[in-house]
C-alpha atoms as a PDB file:
ATOM      1  CA  MET A   1      95.856  88.985   3.863  1.00  0.00           C
ATOM      2  CA  CYS A   2      94.664  85.678   5.234  1.00  0.00           C
ATOM      3  CA  MET A   3      93.770  85.610   8.940  1.00  0.00           C
ATOM      4  CA  THR A   4      95.738  82.442   9.653  1.00  0.00           C
ATOM      5  CA  GLU A   5      99.107  83.574   8.299  1.00  0.00           C
ATOM      6  CA  PRO A   6      99.830  86.357  10.837  1.00  0.00           C
ATOM      7  CA  HIS A   7      98.869  84.009  13.669  1.00  0.00           C
ATOM      8  CA  GLU A   8     101.123  81.110  12.586  1.00  0.00           C
ATOM      9  CA  PRO A   9     104.021  81.973  14.932  1.00  0.00           C
ATOM     10  CA  PHE A  10     101.728  81.756  17.949  1.00  0.00           C
ATOM     11  CA  HIS A  11     100.403  78.676  19.700  1.00  0.00           C
ATOM     12  CA  ILE A  12      96.638  79.077  19.415  1.00  0.00           C
ATOM     13  CA  GLY A  13      94.725  76.122  20.714  1.00  0.00           C
ATOM     14  CA  PRO A  14      91.200  75.700  22.022  1.00  0.00           C
ATOM     15  CA  GLU A  15      92.003  77.510  25.278  1.00  0.00           C
ATOM     16  CA  GLU A  16      93.409  80.582  23.512  1.00  0.00           C
ATOM     17  CA  ARG A  17      90.434  80.591  21.131  1.00  0.00           C
ATOM     18  CA  ASP A  18      88.048  80.492  24.075  1.00  0.00           C
ATOM     19  CA  GLN A  19      89.955  83.267  25.869  1.00  0.00           C
ATOM     20  CA  TRP A  20      89.616  85.483  22.803  1.00  0.00           C
ATOM     21  CA  LEU A  21      85.896  84.733  22.564  1.00  0.00           C
ATOM     22  CA  TRP A  22      85.511  85.554  26.276  1.00  0.00           C
ATOM     23  CA  CYS A  23      87.248  88.912  25.672  1.00  0.00           C
ATOM     24  CA  MET A  24      84.960  89.624  22.739  1.00  0.00           C
ATOM     25  CA  ASP A  25      81.913  88.823  24.888  1.00  0.00           C
ATOM     26  CA  ARG A  26      83.169  91.230  27.568  1.00  0.00           C
ATOM     27  CA  ALA A  27      83.804  93.925  24.929  1.00  0.00           C
ATOM     28  CA  LEU A  28      80.265  93.582  23.586  1.00  0.00           C
ATOM     29  CA  GLU A  29      78.953  93.719  27.131  1.00  0.00           C
ATOM     30  CA  HIS A  30      81.074  96.803  27.847  1.00  0.00           C
ATOM     31  CA  ILE A  31      79.623  98.729  24.900  1.00  0.00           C
ATOM     32  CA  GLY A  32      76.087  97.687  25.782  1.00  0.00           C
ATOM     33  CA  ALA A  33      75.500  95.615  22.662  1.00  0.00           C
ATOM     34  CA  SER A  34      71.962  94.362  22.354  1.00  0.00           C
ATOM     35  CA  ASP A  35      71.148  90.697  22.848  1.00  0.00           C
ATOM     36  CA  GLU A  36      70.171  90.609  19.175  1.00  0.00           C
ATOM     37  CA  LEU A  37      73.616  91.847  18.104  1.00  0.00           C
ATOM     38  CA  VAL A  38      75.417  89.453  20.459  1.00  0.00           C
ATOM     39  CA  ASP A  39      73.384  86.544  19.076  1.00  0.00           C
ATOM     40  CA  MET A  40      74.063  87.675  15.495  1.00  0.00           C
ATOM     41  CA  LEU A  41      77.840  87.836  16.088  1.00  0.00           C
ATOM     42  CA  ARG A  42      78.251  84.643  18.129  1.00  0.00           C
ATOM     43  CA  GLN A  43      78.707  82.175  15.231  1.00  0.00           C
ATOM     44  CA  PRO A  44      80.825  84.452  12.975  1.00  0.00           C
ATOM     45  CA  MET A  45      83.168  85.285  15.864  1.00  0.00           C
ATOM     46  CA  PHE A  46      83.517  81.597  16.707  1.00  0.00           C
ATOM     47  CA  ARG A  47      84.336  80.785  13.068  1.00  0.00           C
ATOM     48  CA  VAL A  48      87.045  83.470  12.961  1.00  0.00           C
ATOM     49  CA  ALA A  49      88.509  82.371  16.301  1.00  0.00           C
ATOM     50  CA  ASP A  50      88.501  78.720  15.279  1.00  0.00           C
ATOM     51  CA  ALA A  51      90.024  79.507  11.869  1.00  0.00           C
ATOM     52  CA  VAL A  52      93.189  80.929  13.454  1.00  0.00           C
ATOM     53  CA  ARG A  53      93.514  77.982  15.850  1.00  0.00           C
ATOM     54  CA  ASN A  54      96.636  76.069  14.873  1.00  0.00           C
ATOM     55  CA  ARG A  55      97.049  73.585  17.728  1.00  0.00           C
ATOM     56  CA  GLU A  56      94.878  70.827  19.115  1.00  0.00           C
ATOM     57  CA  GLY A  57      96.614  70.142  22.391  1.00  0.00           C
ATOM     58  CA  PRO A  58      96.882  71.862  25.743  1.00  0.00           C
ATOM     59  CA  SER A  59      97.737  75.507  25.956  1.00  0.00           C
ATOM     60  CA  ALA A  60     101.387  76.590  25.787  1.00  0.00           C
ATOM     61  CA  ALA A  61     100.473  79.117  28.440  1.00  0.00           C
ATOM     62  CA  ARG A  62      99.263  76.516  30.927  1.00  0.00           C
ATOM     63  CA  ASP A  63     102.340  77.028  33.132  1.00  0.00           C
ATOM     64  CA  ASN A  64     102.284  80.826  32.871  1.00  0.00           C
ATOM     65  CA  PRO A  65      98.937  82.593  33.351  1.00  0.00           C
ATOM     66  CA  ASN A  66     100.390  85.835  31.966  1.00  0.00           C
ATOM     67  CA  ILE A  67     100.829  84.345  28.494  1.00  0.00           C
ATOM     68  CA  ILE A  68      97.717  83.994  26.388  1.00  0.00           C
ATOM     69  CA  ALA A  69      99.446  82.931  23.158  1.00  0.00           C
ATOM     70  CA  ALA A  70     102.971  81.593  22.905  1.00  0.00           C
ATOM     71  CA  GLY A  71     104.993  81.105  19.742  1.00  0.00           C
END
C-alpha cells in the first residue's frame, strides 16, 4: 500500500510534517539511539514525512492545539 493514500483524508502540511519529525526525534532520544543512527535516519524520515504531506498552506489545526492532523 502506498504511504500517501491512507493519509489523504487528513490535512498534512509543513507544520504537521514537522510535528511528526519532532516526535520521531523524541522517540529516538527516548530509546537512546546513537548519534550515528539519528544521523542515518534523518534524511529518510524527512522524505517519508514530506511524501505524505498533501497541503502547502497553514495548518488546519492552527486554531486548535489538540488537533495535529485534520481531515
